[in-house]
Protein backbone atom coordinates (compact mmCIF):
# COMPACT_ATOMS: atom_id res chain seq x y z
CA UNK A 1 92.64 -56.57 -6.00
CA UNK A 2 90.40 -57.45 -8.84
CA UNK A 3 89.22 -60.49 -7.67
CA UNK A 4 88.13 -58.62 -4.22
CA UNK A 5 86.30 -55.86 -6.74
CA UNK A 6 84.65 -58.67 -8.66
CA UNK A 7 83.16 -60.48 -5.65
CA UNK A 8 81.44 -57.22 -4.85
CA UNK A 9 79.99 -56.85 -7.97
CA UNK A 10 77.10 -59.34 -7.79
CA UNK A 11 76.17 -57.74 -4.26
CA UNK A 12 76.04 -54.38 -5.64
CA UNK A 13 73.63 -55.25 -8.25
CA UNK A 14 70.72 -57.41 -5.94
CA UNK A 15 71.25 -54.16 -3.88
CA UNK A 16 70.48 -51.91 -7.07
CA UNK A 17 67.54 -54.26 -8.08
CA UNK A 18 66.14 -54.39 -4.61
CA UNK A 19 66.12 -50.49 -3.97
CA UNK A 20 64.22 -50.19 -7.47
CA UNK A 21 61.51 -52.37 -6.42
CA UNK A 22 60.88 -50.92 -3.04
CA UNK A 23 60.43 -47.84 -5.42
CA UNK A 24 58.36 -48.64 -7.78
CA UNK A 25 56.20 -50.47 -4.90
CA UNK A 26 55.56 -47.02 -2.97
CA UNK A 27 53.74 -46.00 -6.19
CA UNK A 28 51.52 -47.92 -6.13
CA UNK A 29 47.74 -46.89 -4.51
CA UNK A 30 46.29 -49.01 -2.26
CA UNK A 31 43.49 -50.32 -2.07
CA UNK A 32 40.66 -48.34 -0.28
CA UNK A 33 43.16 -45.63 0.00
CA UNK A 34 43.57 -41.63 -0.41
CA UNK A 35 41.85 -41.48 -3.90
CA UNK A 36 38.99 -44.17 -2.97
CA UNK A 37 38.14 -41.69 -0.04
CA UNK A 38 37.90 -38.70 -1.85
CA UNK A 39 35.93 -40.47 -4.33
CA UNK A 40 33.40 -41.75 -1.37
CA UNK A 41 33.13 -37.78 -0.10
CA UNK A 42 32.17 -36.73 -3.44
CA UNK A 43 29.42 -39.27 -3.82
CA UNK A 44 28.00 -38.90 -0.36
CA UNK A 45 27.83 -35.40 -0.54
CA UNK A 46 24.55 -33.81 -0.32
CA UNK A 47 22.81 -31.88 -3.01
CA UNK A 48 22.52 -27.89 -2.78
CA UNK A 49 19.31 -27.20 -1.91
CA UNK A 50 17.08 -25.42 -4.98
CA UNK A 51 16.27 -21.85 -4.54
CA UNK A 52 12.49 -21.12 -4.32
CA UNK A 53 11.56 -19.77 -7.26
CA UNK A 54 9.49 -16.26 -6.85
CA UNK A 55 6.58 -15.32 -9.98
CA UNK A 56 7.56 -12.82 -11.85
CA UNK A 57 7.94 -8.96 -9.54
CA UNK A 58 7.52 -10.68 -6.52
CA UNK A 59 9.17 -10.35 -3.13
CA UNK A 60 10.65 -12.86 -0.61
CA UNK A 61 7.80 -13.48 1.93
CA UNK A 62 8.29 -12.51 5.87
CA UNK A 63 5.66 -14.18 7.21
CA UNK A 64 3.81 -17.53 6.78
CA UNK A 65 0.44 -16.79 6.86
CA UNK A 66 -1.62 -20.22 5.73
CA UNK A 67 0.42 -22.26 7.93
CA UNK A 68 2.12 -24.26 5.65
CA UNK A 69 5.95 -23.93 6.72
CA UNK A 70 7.11 -21.79 4.23
CA UNK A 71 6.49 -17.93 3.74
CA UNK A 72 4.79 -16.32 1.11
CA UNK A 73 5.73 -14.26 -1.05
CA UNK A 74 4.24 -10.79 -1.69
CA UNK A 75 3.32 -9.31 -5.41
CA UNK A 76 2.26 -5.95 -5.07
CA UNK A 77 1.70 -3.41 -2.86
CA UNK A 78 -1.93 -1.33 -2.06
CA UNK A 79 -2.58 1.92 -0.96
CA UNK A 80 -5.77 2.00 1.66
CA UNK A 81 -5.48 5.82 2.32
CA UNK A 82 -4.32 8.33 4.99
CA UNK A 83 -0.78 6.59 4.84
CA UNK A 84 -1.58 3.01 4.77
CA UNK A 85 0.09 1.41 2.46
CA UNK A 86 0.56 -2.49 2.67
CA UNK A 87 2.54 -5.33 0.52
CA UNK A 88 -0.05 -7.52 -0.39
CA UNK A 89 0.33 -11.61 -0.70
CA UNK A 90 1.17 -13.31 -4.00
CA UNK A 91 -1.64 -16.01 -3.18
CA UNK A 92 -4.27 -15.24 0.56
CA UNK A 93 -4.99 -18.59 1.86
CA UNK A 94 -7.13 -17.74 4.32
CA UNK A 95 -8.13 -14.26 4.16
CA UNK A 96 -11.71 -13.09 6.02
CA UNK A 97 -14.86 -13.75 4.56
CA UNK A 98 -17.71 -10.83 5.09
CA UNK A 99 -20.43 -11.82 7.17
CA UNK A 100 -24.33 -11.38 6.87
CA UNK A 101 -23.97 -12.53 3.04
CA UNK A 102 -22.35 -9.25 1.97
CA UNK A 103 -19.84 -9.31 -0.85
CA UNK A 104 -16.18 -7.90 -0.45
CA UNK A 105 -15.87 -4.87 -2.75
CA UNK A 106 -12.52 -5.59 -5.18
CA UNK A 107 -9.26 -5.38 -3.46
CA UNK A 108 -10.96 -5.01 0.04
CA UNK A 109 -8.93 -4.54 2.93
CA UNK A 110 -10.98 -7.60 4.29
CA UNK A 111 -9.18 -10.03 2.12
CA UNK A 112 -5.86 -9.77 4.19
CA UNK A 113 -5.59 -12.48 6.30
CA UNK A 114 -5.40 -12.40 10.01
CA UNK A 115 -4.06 -14.37 13.19
CA UNK A 116 -6.38 -16.34 15.12
CA UNK A 117 -5.97 -15.01 18.84
CA UNK A 118 -9.20 -14.38 21.50
CA UNK A 119 -11.43 -11.03 20.52
CA UNK A 120 -13.64 -11.62 23.75
CA UNK A 121 -15.58 -8.64 24.12
CA UNK A 122 -14.62 -7.12 20.79
CA UNK A 123 -16.96 -6.69 17.93
CA UNK A 124 -14.46 -7.33 15.30
CA UNK A 125 -11.78 -8.59 13.60
CA UNK A 126 -7.59 -8.51 13.58
CA UNK A 127 -6.22 -8.48 9.70
CA UNK A 128 -1.99 -8.63 9.44
CA UNK A 129 0.62 -7.63 6.98
CA UNK A 130 3.55 -5.56 6.63
CA UNK A 131 4.19 -2.24 4.84
CA UNK A 132 6.46 -1.43 2.23
CA UNK A 133 9.27 -1.66 4.41
CA UNK A 134 8.62 -4.70 6.11
CA UNK A 135 7.39 -3.22 9.23
CA UNK A 136 4.55 -5.28 11.07
CA UNK A 137 1.14 -3.92 10.99
CA UNK A 138 -1.53 -4.95 12.86
CA UNK A 139 -5.19 -3.73 11.82
CA UNK A 140 -8.01 -4.48 14.67
CA UNK A 141 -11.54 -3.58 12.90
CA UNK A 142 -15.17 -3.18 14.68
CA UNK A 143 -18.27 -1.94 13.97
CA UNK A 144 -18.70 1.67 15.29
CA UNK A 145 -22.42 0.52 15.62
CA UNK A 146 -21.49 -1.23 18.63
CA UNK A 147 -19.71 2.29 20.19
CA UNK A 148 -21.41 4.90 18.56
CA UNK A 149 -25.74 5.94 18.26
CA UNK A 150 -26.82 7.14 14.51
CA UNK A 151 -25.06 10.13 13.53
CA UNK A 152 -23.97 10.76 16.95
CA UNK A 153 -19.19 10.62 18.00
CA UNK A 154 -20.39 10.26 21.46
CA UNK A 155 -19.40 6.93 22.89
CA UNK A 156 -22.54 5.03 24.54
CA UNK A 157 -20.67 1.58 25.24
CA UNK A 158 -17.56 1.65 26.15
CA UNK A 159 -17.77 -2.54 26.48
CA UNK A 160 -15.74 -2.71 23.30
CA UNK A 161 -13.17 -0.04 23.67
CA UNK A 162 -11.89 -1.26 26.89
CA UNK A 163 -11.70 -5.23 25.71
CA UNK A 164 -9.46 -3.25 22.81
CA UNK A 165 -7.47 -2.09 24.96
CA UNK A 166 -6.80 -5.21 26.78
CA UNK A 167 -5.77 -6.95 23.68
CA UNK A 168 -3.47 -4.66 22.30
CA UNK A 169 -1.60 -4.36 26.14
CA UNK A 170 -1.59 -7.86 25.73
CA UNK A 171 -0.58 -8.38 22.46
CA UNK A 172 0.58 -5.61 20.61
CA UNK A 173 2.15 -3.03 23.12
CA UNK A 174 4.27 -0.10 22.44
CA UNK A 175 3.22 0.36 18.62
CA UNK A 176 2.12 3.55 16.98
CA UNK A 177 -1.52 3.54 16.31
CA UNK A 178 -3.73 5.27 13.61
CA UNK A 179 -7.67 5.31 14.63
CA UNK A 180 -9.17 5.32 11.64
CA UNK A 181 -12.77 6.29 11.32
CA UNK A 182 -15.48 5.14 8.31
CA UNK A 183 -19.21 5.67 7.32
CA UNK A 184 -21.18 4.08 4.94
CA UNK A 185 -21.84 5.98 1.68
CA UNK A 186 -25.52 7.66 2.39
CA UNK A 187 -25.60 11.03 3.31
CA UNK A 188 -23.39 13.43 1.83
CA UNK A 189 -19.50 13.25 1.28
CA UNK A 190 -18.66 16.03 2.88
CA UNK A 191 -20.92 14.76 6.44
CA UNK A 192 -19.96 11.60 6.41
CA UNK A 193 -15.75 13.27 6.42
CA UNK A 194 -16.64 14.90 9.05
CA UNK A 195 -18.46 12.53 11.06
CA UNK A 196 -15.84 10.12 10.35
CA UNK A 197 -13.15 12.37 11.48
CA UNK A 198 -14.91 13.20 15.07
CA UNK A 199 -15.12 9.60 15.84
CA UNK A 200 -11.98 8.76 15.10
CA UNK A 201 -10.92 11.90 17.18
CA UNK A 202 -13.55 10.48 19.97
CA UNK A 203 -11.84 6.75 20.14
CA UNK A 204 -8.02 8.48 20.31
CA UNK A 205 -9.08 10.11 23.06
CA UNK A 206 -10.94 7.01 24.79
CA UNK A 207 -7.47 5.30 24.36
CA UNK A 208 -4.54 7.71 25.55
CA UNK A 209 -7.03 8.33 28.26
CA UNK A 210 -7.29 4.80 29.24
CA UNK A 211 -4.00 3.39 29.70
CA UNK A 212 -3.65 1.90 26.12
CA UNK A 213 0.16 0.87 25.51
CA UNK A 214 0.99 2.98 22.72
CA UNK A 215 4.41 5.03 21.07
CA UNK A 216 2.02 7.69 19.85
CA UNK A 217 -1.85 8.01 18.77
CA UNK A 218 -3.12 10.02 15.89
CA UNK A 219 -6.51 9.95 14.60
CA UNK A 220 -8.07 10.59 10.95
CA UNK A 221 -11.47 10.43 9.25
CA UNK A 222 -11.93 8.51 5.71
CA UNK A 223 -15.94 9.19 5.06
CA UNK A 224 -16.85 6.64 3.01
CA UNK A 225 -13.50 6.12 0.54
CA UNK A 226 -12.81 3.10 1.93
CA UNK A 227 -15.19 0.12 2.33
CA UNK A 228 -14.78 -3.30 2.60
CA UNK A 229 -18.14 -4.54 0.79
CA UNK A 230 -20.51 -3.60 -1.16
CA UNK A 231 -23.46 -1.99 -0.10
CA UNK A 232 -25.76 -3.05 -2.72
CA UNK A 233 -27.02 -6.55 -3.53
CA UNK A 234 -26.68 -8.29 -6.41
CA UNK A 235 -30.61 -7.09 -7.73
CA UNK A 236 -29.55 -3.67 -6.95
CA UNK A 237 -30.89 -3.15 -4.03
CA UNK A 238 -29.69 -1.82 -0.84
CA UNK A 239 -28.21 -3.65 1.41
CA UNK A 240 -28.74 -2.55 5.24
CA UNK A 241 -26.05 -5.86 6.06
CA UNK A 242 -23.37 -3.88 3.89
CA UNK A 243 -23.57 -0.74 5.16
CA UNK A 244 -23.87 -1.82 8.87
CA UNK A 245 -20.37 -3.62 7.96
CA UNK A 246 -18.56 -0.70 6.50
CA UNK A 247 -19.43 1.99 9.29
CA UNK A 248 -16.54 0.74 11.34
CA UNK A 249 -13.53 2.12 13.33
CA UNK A 250 -9.66 0.61 12.25
CA UNK A 251 -7.25 0.63 14.58
CA UNK A 252 -3.90 0.74 12.74
CA UNK A 253 -1.20 -0.80 14.62
CA UNK A 254 3.19 -0.45 13.72
CA UNK A 255 4.77 -2.71 15.80
CA UNK A 256 8.50 -1.31 16.51
CA UNK A 257 11.41 -3.57 14.38
C-alpha cells in the first residue's frame, strides 16, 4: 500500500502545479483586450458642444435675421404703441435704411430687419419680428400718399391695397391684422389723430371687403406719435421727404402659432 501511494504522489503534485499555472494565466489581460478597447473608445468620444454664450439679459434667438446660420438673440423689448410690443435683436444686421436721405429717429420701428420678398405694386416694405410670447409678427408698411389726397380719408387709387392683399393672402394668410394709420407732425395733434383713425378705418373696410385672408382685422390711429424718420434736416429746416415718409399705413400681421 505504501509503495502504491508513493507512486501517485508525484503525479498529484504535477497536476496541482498545472492547475495553478492555468489559473494565473487566466488573470492576465491579453493585448488588445477589453481594457484597451474601452481606453480607445474614451479617447475617440467627441467632445461635448460648448453652450452658446448670450449677452447679459439676452433671450435665446428664434430667427436667423442676418443669414449667418445662427438664430439671433434678443436683448430687449420695445413698445411701439397700440399694443405693438416687439422683441429687439441684440444686433440688427440687415436693418432697413431710410429713403431720400432721411434719418431714422432713435429706436425707429423701421430699423428692424425684414424678409426679401416681392413687393411689386406696393410702395412700401415688410418688417419682421417676434412679440414677447414668441408670436411671429410681420409689418407691411406703405406710404399713405399712394392712397389718400392731402387731408383726405377717401381712397384714390386702389392699386397698392389690391397688391397688398395679394401679398398677405400668399405669404401671411389667417393672421390677425391691425391696421395702423400715421400722419406727419404738421397740423394739430387732435386733427392728426382723427385723420389717422379715419384712414385706418378706411383701409380696414377695404381689406375686409376685398377678400383678405385674416382671422380678424382691427384699426387704430396713432397720429404723429410714432414717426419713423426725422422731419427736420440737420440744418433745422423742414424735411419734406421726412414728412412724406412718416405719412403711412402699417398692417401688423400676427401669425397663428
